[in-house]
Amino acid sequence: MDFSKPKIMGIVNVTPDSFSDGGIFESPDDAEVIIGQMIKNKADIIDIGGESTGPGSKNVSLKEELKRVRPVIDFIKKNKLTKKTIFSIDTYKSEVAKCALENGFSIVNDVTALRGDPKMADVLLEFRPYVILMYSKDLTARTTRKEVDYDDVIKTISAFLKERTSFLMNAGFPKNKIIIDPGMGAFISSKPQYSFETINRLSDLKALGFPICIGVSRKSFLGGEIENRDPISAEWSLKAIKNGASIIRTHNVRLIIN
């Protein structure tokens, strides 16, 4: 991918419990409609997820996650949509990632940064897709509402991402296929100031030498009701671009594009 210009990543959650759109695109038919809309609105990347990892979410079995995402993957392959845009799979399970990569997906978006499944690195080494490694204060994919305090939030995030990227590169994965994500909202802390500080200091993370993905869309640290957060999501997404973000992950592609 060419990161000379920022990329817009549309979010499609095929889940009943995602914090902002749980149940809206729960059926494959619903997901197919929103994928078509995002392609029409010129999304550079579309991220398909079958498991919510936000606060209060529940573990989803491998069988259930595949049941949710496989029909969407098959629809994308059947209609040759990977020729129209780039597709990403939002999962920390190696078998789900493998299924998507075998069917033309180009990115694995792992919120656990390879801590959730020890076999994920093997799948990445086999297929060599792009991979997004995200910071999270929690050891598992289940995000807590814990109000973590930091002496220096960027220093902590940088150290974590440096360790995770080094782990993958030491296994033989190419550096130019790695993207980093500092996390946002509860992934960092339930205290909003740390998410805002991370965006304002995003340029400090550029020293790690990787493209940066940011997903502020509709997160609780923005304040207000979920249904009213799109304008402020766009505002802080644009600030992230100004400060060095290469990918903006959003529910409302048209708002960012325009």
C-alpha atoms as a PDB file:
ATOM      1  CA  MET A   1       0.000   0.000   0.000  1.00  0.00           C
ATOM      2  CA  ASP A   2       1.046   3.543  -0.718  1.00  0.00           C
ATOM      3  CA  PHE A   3       0.915   5.606   2.471  1.00  0.00           C
ATOM      4  CA  SER A   4       1.887   8.889   0.839  1.00  0.00           C
ATOM      5  CA  LYS A   5      -1.779   9.801   1.351  1.00  0.00           C
ATOM      6  CA  PRO A   6      -3.936   8.756   4.346  1.00  0.00           C
ATOM      7  CA  LYS A   7      -6.156   5.713   3.880  1.00  0.00           C
ATOM      8  CA  ILE A   8      -9.753   5.494   5.101  1.00  0.00           C
ATOM      9  CA  MET A   9     -10.731   2.155   6.650  1.00  0.00           C
ATOM     10  CA  GLY A  10     -14.449   1.457   6.948  1.00  0.00           C
ATOM     11  CA  ILE A  11     -15.688  -0.694   9.846  1.00  0.00           C
ATOM     12  CA  VAL A  12     -18.154  -3.536   9.308  1.00  0.00           C
ATOM     13  CA  ASN A  13     -18.939  -5.437  12.522  1.00  0.00           C
ATOM     14  CA  VAL A  14     -20.890  -8.641  11.942  1.00  0.00           C
ATOM     15  CA  THR A  15     -21.682  -8.891  15.646  1.00  0.00           C
ATOM     16  CA  PRO A  16     -24.644  -8.522  18.001  1.00  0.00           C
ATOM     17  CA  ASP A  17     -22.732  -6.601  20.679  1.00  0.00           C
ATOM     18  CA  SER A  18     -20.266  -4.106  19.194  1.00  0.00           C
ATOM     19  CA  PHE A  19     -20.390  -0.909  21.231  1.00  0.00           C
ATOM     20  CA  SER A  20     -21.476   1.431  18.431  1.00  0.00           C
ATOM     21  CA  ASP A  21     -23.280  -0.706  15.859  1.00  0.00           C
ATOM     22  CA  GLY A  22     -23.911  -4.076  17.472  1.00  0.00           C
ATOM     23  CA  GLY A  23     -26.664  -5.926  15.636  1.00  0.00           C
ATOM     24  CA  ILE A  24     -27.009  -3.363  12.847  1.00  0.00           C
ATOM     25  CA  PHE A  25     -25.043  -5.479  10.368  1.00  0.00           C
ATOM     26  CA  GLU A  26     -25.453  -8.757  12.214  1.00  0.00           C
ATOM     27  CA  SER A  27     -26.730 -10.706   9.200  1.00  0.00           C
ATOM     28  CA  PRO A  28     -24.578 -11.289   6.098  1.00  0.00           C
ATOM     29  CA  ASP A  29     -27.176  -9.518   3.948  1.00  0.00           C
ATOM     30  CA  ASP A  30     -26.887  -6.355   6.057  1.00  0.00           C
ATOM     31  CA  ALA A  31     -23.100  -6.506   5.878  1.00  0.00           C
ATOM     32  CA  GLU A  32     -23.226  -6.885   2.097  1.00  0.00           C
ATOM     33  CA  VAL A  33     -25.263  -3.685   1.803  1.00  0.00           C
ATOM     34  CA  ILE A  34     -22.887  -1.616   3.941  1.00  0.00           C
ATOM     35  CA  ILE A  35     -19.849  -3.019   2.092  1.00  0.00           C
ATOM     36  CA  GLY A  36     -21.397  -1.869  -1.175  1.00  0.00           C
ATOM     37  CA  GLN A  37     -22.022   1.578   0.281  1.00  0.00           C
ATOM     38  CA  MET A  38     -18.450   1.857   1.551  1.00  0.00           C
ATOM     39  CA  ILE A  39     -17.039   0.882  -1.840  1.00  0.00           C
ATOM     40  CA  LYS A  40     -19.307   3.501  -3.454  1.00  0.00           C
ATOM     41  CA  ASN A  41     -18.040   6.046  -0.938  1.00  0.00           C
ATOM     42  CA  LYS A  42     -14.459   5.155  -1.935  1.00  0.00           C
ATOM     43  CA  ALA A  43     -13.213   3.490   1.233  1.00  0.00           C
ATOM     44  CA  ASP A  44      -9.577   2.496   0.754  1.00  0.00           C
ATOM     45  CA  ILE A  45      -9.908  -0.443   3.154  1.00  0.00           C
ATOM     46  CA  ILE A  46     -12.888  -2.298   4.638  1.00  0.00           C
ATOM     47  CA  ASP A  47     -12.351  -4.039   7.982  1.00  0.00           C
ATOM     48  CA  ILE A  48     -14.604  -7.048   8.690  1.00  0.00           C
ATOM     49  CA  GLY A  49     -14.996  -8.173  12.307  1.00  0.00           C
ATOM     50  CA  GLY A  50     -16.931 -11.018  13.893  1.00  0.00           C
ATOM     51  CA  GLU A  51     -16.159 -10.450  17.561  1.00  0.00           C
ATOM     52  CA  SER A  52     -16.552  -7.401  19.761  1.00  0.00           C
ATOM     53  CA  THR A  53     -13.635  -6.735  22.116  1.00  0.00           C
ATOM     54  CA  GLY A  54     -14.972  -3.587  23.786  1.00  0.00           C
ATOM     55  CA  PRO A  55     -15.835  -3.249  27.473  1.00  0.00           C
ATOM     56  CA  GLY A  56     -18.542  -5.692  28.502  1.00  0.00           C
ATOM     57  CA  SER A  57     -18.046  -7.914  25.457  1.00  0.00           C
ATOM     58  CA  LYS A  58     -18.077 -11.698  25.744  1.00  0.00           C
ATOM     59  CA  ASN A  59     -15.737 -14.375  24.452  1.00  0.00           C
ATOM     60  CA  VAL A  60     -16.707 -15.743  21.069  1.00  0.00           C
ATOM     61  CA  SER A  61     -15.712 -19.253  20.061  1.00  0.00           C
ATOM     62  CA  LEU A  62     -13.764 -19.926  16.884  1.00  0.00           C
ATOM     63  CA  LYS A  63     -16.773 -21.766  15.474  1.00  0.00           C
ATOM     64  CA  GLU A  64     -19.115 -18.841  16.166  1.00  0.00           C
ATOM     65  CA  GLU A  65     -16.741 -16.222  14.773  1.00  0.00           C
ATOM     66  CA  LEU A  66     -16.286 -18.199  11.552  1.00  0.00           C
ATOM     67  CA  LYS A  67     -20.064 -18.634  11.340  1.00  0.00           C
ATOM     68  CA  ARG A  68     -20.434 -14.851  11.440  1.00  0.00           C
ATOM     69  CA  VAL A  69     -17.682 -13.835   9.025  1.00  0.00           C
ATOM     70  CA  ARG A  70     -17.479 -16.734   6.551  1.00  0.00           C
ATOM     71  CA  PRO A  71     -20.642 -15.750   4.599  1.00  0.00           C
ATOM     72  CA  VAL A  72     -19.278 -12.203   4.259  1.00  0.00           C
ATOM     73  CA  ILE A  73     -15.878 -13.488   3.134  1.00  0.00           C
ATOM     74  CA  ASP A  74     -17.586 -15.747   0.567  1.00  0.00           C
ATOM     75  CA  PHE A  75     -19.677 -12.803  -0.703  1.00  0.00           C
ATOM     76  CA  ILE A  76     -16.543 -10.679  -1.138  1.00  0.00           C
ATOM     77  CA  LYS A  77     -14.759 -13.461  -3.023  1.00  0.00           C
ATOM     78  CA  LYS A  78     -17.762 -14.365  -5.210  1.00  0.00           C
ATOM     79  CA  ASN A  79     -18.209 -10.755  -6.313  1.00  0.00           C
ATOM     80  CA  LYS A  80     -14.468 -10.151  -6.728  1.00  0.00           C
ATOM     81  CA  LEU A  81     -14.651  -7.146  -4.428  1.00  0.00           C
ATOM     82  CA  THR A  82     -10.956  -7.398  -3.526  1.00  0.00           C
ATOM     83  CA  LYS A  83     -10.355  -5.949  -6.996  1.00  0.00           C
ATOM     84  CA  LYS A  84     -12.289  -2.830  -5.961  1.00  0.00           C
ATOM     85  CA  THR A  85     -10.813  -2.168  -2.517  1.00  0.00           C
ATOM     86  CA  ILE A  86      -8.566  -3.677   0.146  1.00  0.00           C
ATOM     87  CA  PHE A  87     -10.131  -5.933   2.764  1.00  0.00           C
ATOM     88  CA  SER A  88      -8.955  -6.425   6.333  1.00  0.00           C
ATOM     89  CA  ILE A  89     -10.004  -9.060   8.866  1.00  0.00           C
ATOM     90  CA  ASP A  90     -10.390  -7.831  12.438  1.00  0.00           C
ATOM     91  CA  THR A  91      -9.472 -10.891  14.504  1.00  0.00           C
ATOM     92  CA  TYR A  92      -6.903 -12.271  16.918  1.00  0.00           C
ATOM     93  CA  LYS A  93      -7.690 -15.903  15.995  1.00  0.00           C
ATOM     94  CA  SER A  94      -5.250 -17.484  13.541  1.00  0.00           C
ATOM     95  CA  GLU A  95      -7.871 -19.720  11.889  1.00  0.00           C
ATOM     96  CA  VAL A  96     -10.150 -16.767  11.146  1.00  0.00           C
ATOM     97  CA  ALA A  97      -7.213 -14.813   9.745  1.00  0.00           C
ATOM     98  CA  LYS A  98      -6.187 -17.762   7.579  1.00  0.00           C
ATOM     99  CA  CYS A  99      -9.708 -18.126   6.193  1.00  0.00           C
ATOM    100  CA  ALA A 100      -9.774 -14.455   5.172  1.00  0.00           C
ATOM    101  CA  LEU A 101      -6.263 -14.454   3.714  1.00  0.00           C
ATOM    102  CA  GLU A 102      -6.992 -17.567   1.647  1.00  0.00           C
ATOM    103  CA  ASN A 103      -9.873 -15.644   0.099  1.00  0.00           C
ATOM    104  CA  GLY A 104      -8.115 -12.470  -0.953  1.00  0.00           C
ATOM    105  CA  PHE A 105      -7.937 -10.335   2.196  1.00  0.00           C
ATOM    106  CA  SER A 106      -4.762  -8.263   2.495  1.00  0.00           C
ATOM    107  CA  ILE A 107      -4.641  -7.143   6.150  1.00  0.00           C
ATOM    108  CA  VAL A 108      -4.955  -8.776   9.566  1.00  0.00           C
ATOM    109  CA  ASN A 109      -6.039  -6.349  12.288  1.00  0.00           C
ATOM    110  CA  ASP A 110      -5.080  -7.931  15.637  1.00  0.00           C
ATOM    111  CA  VAL A 111      -6.150  -5.974  18.728  1.00  0.00           C
ATOM    112  CA  THR A 112      -4.047  -8.273  20.930  1.00  0.00           C
ATOM    113  CA  ALA A 113      -0.862  -7.612  18.919  1.00  0.00           C
ATOM    114  CA  LEU A 114      -0.326 -11.398  18.577  1.00  0.00           C
ATOM    115  CA  ARG A 115      -0.848 -12.119  22.275  1.00  0.00           C
ATOM    116  CA  GLY A 116      -4.268 -13.709  21.756  1.00  0.00           C
ATOM    117  CA  ASP A 117      -3.240 -16.719  19.661  1.00  0.00           C
ATOM    118  CA  PRO A 118       0.317 -18.124  19.544  1.00  0.00           C
ATOM    119  CA  LYS A 119      -0.337 -19.482  16.046  1.00  0.00           C
ATOM    120  CA  MET A 120      -1.105 -16.065  14.537  1.00  0.00           C
ATOM    121  CA  ALA A 121       2.555 -15.348  13.810  1.00  0.00           C
ATOM    122  CA  ASP A 122       2.784 -18.583  11.818  1.00  0.00           C
ATOM    123  CA  VAL A 123      -0.180 -17.555   9.655  1.00  0.00           C
ATOM    124  CA  LEU A 124       1.356 -14.136   9.071  1.00  0.00           C
ATOM    125  CA  LEU A 125       4.656 -15.676   8.060  1.00  0.00           C
ATOM    126  CA  GLU A 126       2.886 -18.020   5.643  1.00  0.00           C
ATOM    127  CA  PHE A 127       0.789 -15.386   3.852  1.00  0.00           C
ATOM    128  CA  ARG A 128       2.833 -12.190   4.432  1.00  0.00           C
ATOM    129  CA  PRO A 129      -0.164  -9.810   4.563  1.00  0.00           C
ATOM    130  CA  TYR A 130      -0.092  -6.396   6.148  1.00  0.00           C
ATOM    131  CA  VAL A 131      -0.726  -6.629   9.883  1.00  0.00           C
ATOM    132  CA  ILE A 132      -1.959  -4.043  12.368  1.00  0.00           C
ATOM    133  CA  LEU A 133      -0.568  -4.473  15.886  1.00  0.00           C
ATOM    134  CA  MET A 134      -2.534  -2.531  18.492  1.00  0.00           C
ATOM    135  CA  TYR A 135      -1.654  -1.366  21.985  1.00  0.00           C
ATOM    136  CA  SER A 136      -3.991  -2.442  24.756  1.00  0.00           C
ATOM    137  CA  LYS A 137      -3.585  -2.093  28.491  1.00  0.00           C
ATOM    138  CA  ASP A 138      -5.281  -5.479  28.939  1.00  0.00           C
ATOM    139  CA  LEU A 139      -3.606  -8.871  28.556  1.00  0.00           C
ATOM    140  CA  THR A 140      -6.550 -10.423  26.728  1.00  0.00           C
ATOM    141  CA  ALA A 141      -8.911  -9.319  23.976  1.00  0.00           C
ATOM    142  CA  ARG A 142     -11.548  -8.450  26.592  1.00  0.00           C
ATOM    143  CA  THR A 143     -11.147  -4.736  27.221  1.00  0.00           C
ATOM    144  CA  THR A 144     -11.811  -3.509  30.749  1.00  0.00           C
ATOM    145  CA  ARG A 145     -13.069  -0.126  31.925  1.00  0.00           C
ATOM    146  CA  LYS A 146     -10.104   0.238  34.264  1.00  0.00           C
ATOM    147  CA  GLU A 147      -8.956   3.833  34.797  1.00  0.00           C
ATOM    148  CA  VAL A 148      -5.241   3.324  34.238  1.00  0.00           C
ATOM    149  CA  ASP A 149      -2.877   6.216  34.972  1.00  0.00           C
ATOM    150  CA  TYR A 150       0.359   6.843  33.058  1.00  0.00           C
ATOM    151  CA  ASP A 151       3.489   8.796  33.892  1.00  0.00           C
ATOM    152  CA  ASP A 152       3.990   9.110  30.125  1.00  0.00           C
ATOM    153  CA  VAL A 153       1.316   7.454  27.989  1.00  0.00           C
ATOM    154  CA  ILE A 154       3.267   7.722  24.730  1.00  0.00           C
ATOM    155  CA  LYS A 155       6.374   6.225  26.326  1.00  0.00           C
ATOM    156  CA  THR A 156       4.339   3.241  27.547  1.00  0.00           C
ATOM    157  CA  ILE A 157       2.613   2.724  24.195  1.00  0.00           C
ATOM    158  CA  SER A 158       5.921   3.072  22.326  1.00  0.00           C
ATOM    159  CA  ALA A 159       7.655   0.501  24.507  1.00  0.00           C
ATOM    160  CA  PHE A 160       4.822  -1.986  24.022  1.00  0.00           C
ATOM    161  CA  LEU A 161       4.675  -1.547  20.249  1.00  0.00           C
ATOM    162  CA  LYS A 162       8.459  -1.704  19.940  1.00  0.00           C
ATOM    163  CA  GLU A 163       8.465  -5.061  21.756  1.00  0.00           C
ATOM    164  CA  ARG A 164       5.595  -6.455  19.667  1.00  0.00           C
ATOM    165  CA  THR A 165       6.997  -5.326  16.313  1.00  0.00           C
ATOM    166  CA  SER A 166      10.458  -6.634  17.232  1.00  0.00           C
ATOM    167  CA  PHE A 167       8.956  -9.991  18.186  1.00  0.00           C
ATOM    168  CA  LEU A 168       7.344 -10.318  14.767  1.00  0.00           C
ATOM    169  CA  MET A 169      10.352  -9.092  12.794  1.00  0.00           C
ATOM    170  CA  ASN A 170      12.684 -11.402  14.715  1.00  0.00           C
ATOM    171  CA  ALA A 171      10.466 -14.263  13.552  1.00  0.00           C
ATOM    172  CA  GLY A 172      11.214 -13.232   9.965  1.00  0.00           C
ATOM    173  CA  PHE A 173       8.250 -10.999   9.124  1.00  0.00           C
ATOM    174  CA  PRO A 174       9.014  -7.989   6.865  1.00  0.00           C
ATOM    175  CA  LYS A 175       9.033  -4.594   8.556  1.00  0.00           C
ATOM    176  CA  ASN A 176       7.330  -2.920   5.607  1.00  0.00           C
ATOM    177  CA  LYS A 177       4.186  -4.988   6.177  1.00  0.00           C
ATOM    178  CA  ILE A 178       3.697  -3.844   9.800  1.00  0.00           C
ATOM    179  CA  ILE A 179       1.271  -1.100  10.864  1.00  0.00           C
ATOM    180  CA  ILE A 180       0.946   0.099  14.462  1.00  0.00           C
ATOM    181  CA  ASP A 181      -2.138   1.263  16.343  1.00  0.00           C
ATOM    182  CA  PRO A 182      -1.795   3.043  19.717  1.00  0.00           C
ATOM    183  CA  GLY A 183      -5.317   2.018  20.720  1.00  0.00           C
ATOM    184  CA  MET A 184      -7.977   4.479  21.753  1.00  0.00           C
ATOM    185  CA  GLY A 185     -10.539   4.858  24.515  1.00  0.00           C
ATOM    186  CA  ALA A 186     -10.744   1.973  26.985  1.00  0.00           C
ATOM    187  CA  PHE A 187      -7.875   0.180  25.259  1.00  0.00           C
ATOM    188  CA  ILE A 188      -5.627   2.882  26.747  1.00  0.00           C
ATOM    189  CA  SER A 189      -7.637   3.918  29.801  1.00  0.00           C
ATOM    190  CA  SER A 190     -11.180   4.855  30.711  1.00  0.00           C
ATOM    191  CA  LYS A 191      -9.763   8.283  31.532  1.00  0.00           C
ATOM    192  CA  PRO A 192     -10.389  10.299  28.335  1.00  0.00           C
ATOM    193  CA  GLN A 193      -7.359  12.585  28.654  1.00  0.00           C
ATOM    194  CA  TYR A 194      -4.957   9.820  27.653  1.00  0.00           C
ATOM    195  CA  SER A 195      -6.685   9.228  24.313  1.00  0.00           C
ATOM    196  CA  PHE A 196      -6.652  12.939  23.524  1.00  0.00           C
ATOM    197  CA  GLU A 197      -3.009  13.193  24.559  1.00  0.00           C
ATOM    198  CA  THR A 198      -2.115  10.233  22.337  1.00  0.00           C
ATOM    199  CA  ILE A 199      -3.635  11.917  19.292  1.00  0.00           C
ATOM    200  CA  ASN A 200      -1.976  15.236  20.095  1.00  0.00           C
ATOM    201  CA  ARG A 201       1.403  13.508  20.471  1.00  0.00           C
ATOM    202  CA  LEU A 202       0.969  11.051  17.629  1.00  0.00           C
ATOM    203  CA  SER A 203       4.020  12.412  15.834  1.00  0.00           C
ATOM    204  CA  ASP A 204       6.155  10.998  18.678  1.00  0.00           C
ATOM    205  CA  LEU A 205       5.168   7.477  17.592  1.00  0.00           C
ATOM    206  CA  LYS A 206       6.490   8.117  14.075  1.00  0.00           C
ATOM    207  CA  ALA A 207       9.975   7.515  15.511  1.00  0.00           C
ATOM    208  CA  LEU A 208       9.146   3.791  15.582  1.00  0.00           C
ATOM    209  CA  GLY A 209       9.196   3.824  11.785  1.00  0.00           C
ATOM    210  CA  PHE A 210       5.793   2.278  11.006  1.00  0.00           C
ATOM    211  CA  PRO A 211       2.559   3.578   9.461  1.00  0.00           C
ATOM    212  CA  ILE A 212       0.016   4.435  12.163  1.00  0.00           C
ATOM    213  CA  CYS A 213      -3.631   3.389  12.254  1.00  0.00           C
ATOM    214  CA  ILE A 214      -6.058   5.338  14.454  1.00  0.00           C
ATOM    215  CA  GLY A 215      -9.647   4.424  15.340  1.00  0.00           C
ATOM    216  CA  VAL A 216     -11.397   7.133  17.351  1.00  0.00           C
ATOM    217  CA  SER A 217     -14.761   6.556  15.694  1.00  0.00           C
ATOM    218  CA  ARG A 218     -17.699   6.834  18.125  1.00  0.00           C
ATOM    219  CA  LYS A 219     -15.605   5.894  21.161  1.00  0.00           C
ATOM    220  CA  SER A 220     -16.833   6.906  24.613  1.00  0.00           C
ATOM    221  CA  PHE A 221     -13.872   9.192  25.418  1.00  0.00           C
ATOM    222  CA  LEU A 222     -15.322  11.639  22.879  1.00  0.00           C
ATOM    223  CA  GLY A 223     -18.312  12.218  25.171  1.00  0.00           C
ATOM    224  CA  GLY A 224     -22.009  12.556  24.417  1.00  0.00           C
ATOM    225  CA  GLU A 225     -24.355   9.904  23.063  1.00  0.00           C
ATOM    226  CA  ILE A 226     -23.056   7.359  20.553  1.00  0.00           C
ATOM    227  CA  GLU A 227     -25.469   8.445  17.829  1.00  0.00           C
ATOM    228  CA  ASN A 228     -24.140  12.010  18.035  1.00  0.00           C
ATOM    229  CA  ARG A 229     -20.417  11.262  17.954  1.00  0.00           C
ATOM    230  CA  ASP A 230     -19.745  11.187  14.198  1.00  0.00           C
ATOM    231  CA  PRO A 231     -18.884  14.915  13.837  1.00  0.00           C
ATOM    232  CA  ILE A 232     -16.406  14.911  16.740  1.00  0.00           C
ATOM    233  CA  SER A 233     -15.050  11.581  15.513  1.00  0.00           C
ATOM    234  CA  ALA A 234     -14.293  13.231  12.184  1.00  0.00           C
ATOM    235  CA  GLU A 235     -12.711  16.223  13.912  1.00  0.00           C
ATOM    236  CA  TRP A 236     -10.283  14.111  15.933  1.00  0.00           C
ATOM    237  CA  SER A 237      -9.616  11.813  12.980  1.00  0.00           C
ATOM    238  CA  LEU A 238      -8.490  14.815  10.952  1.00  0.00           C
ATOM    239  CA  LYS A 239      -6.246  15.881  13.847  1.00  0.00           C
ATOM    240  CA  ALA A 240      -4.748  12.405  13.818  1.00  0.00           C
ATOM    241  CA  ILE A 241      -4.033  12.697  10.094  1.00  0.00           C
ATOM    242  CA  LYS A 242      -2.400  16.078  10.677  1.00  0.00           C
ATOM    243  CA  ASN A 243      -0.212  14.523  13.376  1.00  0.00           C
ATOM    244  CA  GLY A 244       0.933  11.612  11.240  1.00  0.00           C
ATOM    245  CA  ALA A 245      -1.764   8.918  11.014  1.00  0.00           C
ATOM    246  CA  SER A 246      -1.665   6.841   7.829  1.00  0.00           C
ATOM    247  CA  ILE A 247      -4.975   4.987   8.301  1.00  0.00           C
ATOM    248  CA  ILE A 248      -8.201   6.271   9.833  1.00  0.00           C
ATOM    249  CA  ARG A 249     -10.592   3.558  10.985  1.00  0.00           C
ATOM    250  CA  THR A 250     -14.184   4.817  10.927  1.00  0.00           C
ATOM    251  CA  HIS A 251     -17.826   3.759  10.896  1.00  0.00           C
ATOM    252  CA  ASN A 252     -18.821   6.705   8.698  1.00  0.00           C
ATOM    253  CA  VAL A 253     -16.573   6.638   5.623  1.00  0.00           C
ATOM    254  CA  ARG A 254     -18.411   9.402   3.765  1.00  0.00           C
ATOM    255  CA  LEU A 255     -17.981  11.882   6.611  1.00  0.00           C
ATOM    256  CA  ILE A 256     -14.198  11.484   6.617  1.00  0.00           C
ATOM    257  CA  ILE A 257     -13.859  11.365   2.823  1.00  0.00           C
ATOM    258  CA  ASN A 258     -15.826  14.603   2.485  1.00  0.00           C
END
